Amino acid sequence: MESVDIDTGSGGITLVIPAKLGAEFDVETGSGGIRIDVPHQAFEIERDHVRARIGDGRRSIRIDSGSGGVRLLPRGASGGPGARVGFGVGMSLAPAIE
């Protein structure tokens, strides 16, 4: 898989990122915080919008949450899928784009 596009009108998003993933990502939220807990190189940082690169940037991740926070976690971190992290949608990219 070369790109992932996640959009939610109401509810937050937690995305678990594999250690070897290389992607450019664009994260936007209308009302909610953005927390990125994986090593990255940021190009643009605003309260409600972040553009950055993880690793080699070969893939593309776009996340838009209209009303809810966005959190990117490394695989194996506490708060991954099945944990209570205070967001509405949980997703792991491990099987999809590793």
Protein backbone atom coordinates (compact mmCIF):
# COMPACT_ATOMS: atom_id res chain seq x y z
CA MET A 1 0.00 0.00 0.00
CA GLU A 2 1.50 3.34 -1.04
CA SER A 3 -1.00 5.71 0.57
CA VAL A 4 -3.51 5.88 3.40
CA ASP A 5 -6.32 8.44 3.63
CA ILE A 6 -8.25 8.61 6.91
CA ASP A 7 -11.12 11.05 7.41
CA THR A 8 -13.58 11.33 10.26
CA GLY A 9 -16.20 14.02 10.74
CA SER A 10 -16.62 13.45 14.45
CA GLY A 11 -14.23 11.42 16.54
CA GLY A 12 -10.52 11.14 17.05
CA ILE A 13 -7.94 8.94 15.38
CA THR A 14 -5.10 6.88 16.83
CA LEU A 15 -2.70 5.43 14.29
CA VAL A 16 0.00 2.88 15.20
CA ILE A 17 3.06 3.26 12.99
CA PRO A 18 5.47 0.36 12.20
CA ALA A 19 9.12 1.08 13.08
CA LYS A 20 10.38 0.81 9.48
CA LEU A 21 7.62 2.85 7.83
CA GLY A 22 8.72 5.65 5.51
CA ALA A 23 5.99 8.18 4.76
CA GLU A 24 5.16 11.81 4.34
CA PHE A 25 2.11 12.68 6.36
CA ASP A 26 -0.40 15.50 6.48
CA VAL A 27 -2.50 15.66 9.66
CA GLU A 28 -5.34 18.12 10.14
CA THR A 29 -8.01 18.54 12.81
CA GLY A 30 -10.82 21.06 13.08
CA SER A 31 -11.07 20.94 16.85
CA GLY A 32 -8.73 18.61 18.69
CA GLY A 33 -5.06 18.22 19.38
CA ILE A 34 -2.36 16.56 17.32
CA ARG A 35 0.18 14.36 19.10
CA ILE A 36 2.98 12.67 17.16
CA ASP A 37 4.97 10.20 19.24
CA VAL A 38 7.16 8.81 16.44
CA PRO A 39 10.47 10.28 15.21
CA HIS A 40 9.72 12.68 12.36
CA GLN A 41 10.97 15.71 10.46
CA ALA A 42 8.34 18.46 10.45
CA PHE A 43 7.82 20.81 7.48
CA GLU A 44 4.83 22.71 8.80
CA ILE A 45 3.48 22.88 12.35
CA GLU A 46 0.31 24.70 13.37
CA ARG A 47 -2.17 24.09 16.18
CA ASP A 48 -4.52 22.19 13.86
CA HIS A 49 -2.21 21.07 11.02
CA VAL A 50 1.10 19.19 10.77
CA ARG A 51 3.03 18.13 7.67
CA ALA A 52 6.07 15.93 8.27
CA ARG A 53 8.16 12.98 7.11
CA ILE A 54 8.89 9.66 8.78
CA GLY A 55 11.92 7.77 7.48
CA ASP A 56 12.40 7.95 3.70
CA GLY A 57 8.96 9.44 3.01
CA ARG A 58 8.12 6.93 0.22
CA ARG A 59 4.48 6.51 1.22
CA SER A 60 1.73 9.02 1.92
CA ILE A 61 -0.55 9.31 4.96
CA ARG A 62 -3.34 11.90 5.09
CA ILE A 63 -5.43 12.22 8.23
CA ASP A 64 -8.33 14.64 8.71
CA SER A 65 -10.41 14.73 11.88
CA GLY A 66 -13.19 17.30 11.81
CA SER A 67 -13.86 17.15 15.53
CA GLY A 68 -11.40 15.06 17.53
CA GLY A 69 -7.74 14.60 18.26
CA VAL A 70 -5.15 12.75 16.20
CA ARG A 71 -2.38 10.65 17.74
CA LEU A 72 0.44 8.78 15.98
CA LEU A 73 2.11 6.10 18.10
CA PRO A 74 5.02 3.76 17.41
CA ARG A 75 4.12 0.07 17.32
CA GLY A 76 4.55 -1.49 20.74
CA ALA A 77 3.82 1.74 22.64
CA SER A 78 1.24 1.66 25.38
CA GLY A 79 -1.96 3.14 24.11
CA GLY A 80 -2.01 1.12 20.89
CA PRO A 81 -5.11 -0.64 19.54
CA GLY A 82 -7.21 -2.05 22.33
CA ALA A 83 -5.85 0.38 24.91
CA ARG A 84 -7.81 3.31 26.24
CA VAL A 85 -6.29 6.44 24.77
CA GLY A 86 -9.24 8.84 24.69
CA PHE A 87 -9.80 8.83 20.92
CA GLY A 88 -12.62 7.35 18.90
CA VAL A 89 -10.96 5.36 16.11
CA GLY A 90 -7.95 3.08 16.43
CA MET A 91 -6.02 1.65 13.50
CA SER A 92 -2.76 -0.20 13.04
CA LEU A 93 -0.87 0.14 9.75
CA ALA A 94 1.42 -2.79 10.51
CA PRO A 95 -0.21 -5.45 8.32
CA ALA A 96 -1.23 -3.00 5.61
CA ILE A 97 1.95 -1.18 4.62
CA GLU A 98 4.93 -2.77 6.33
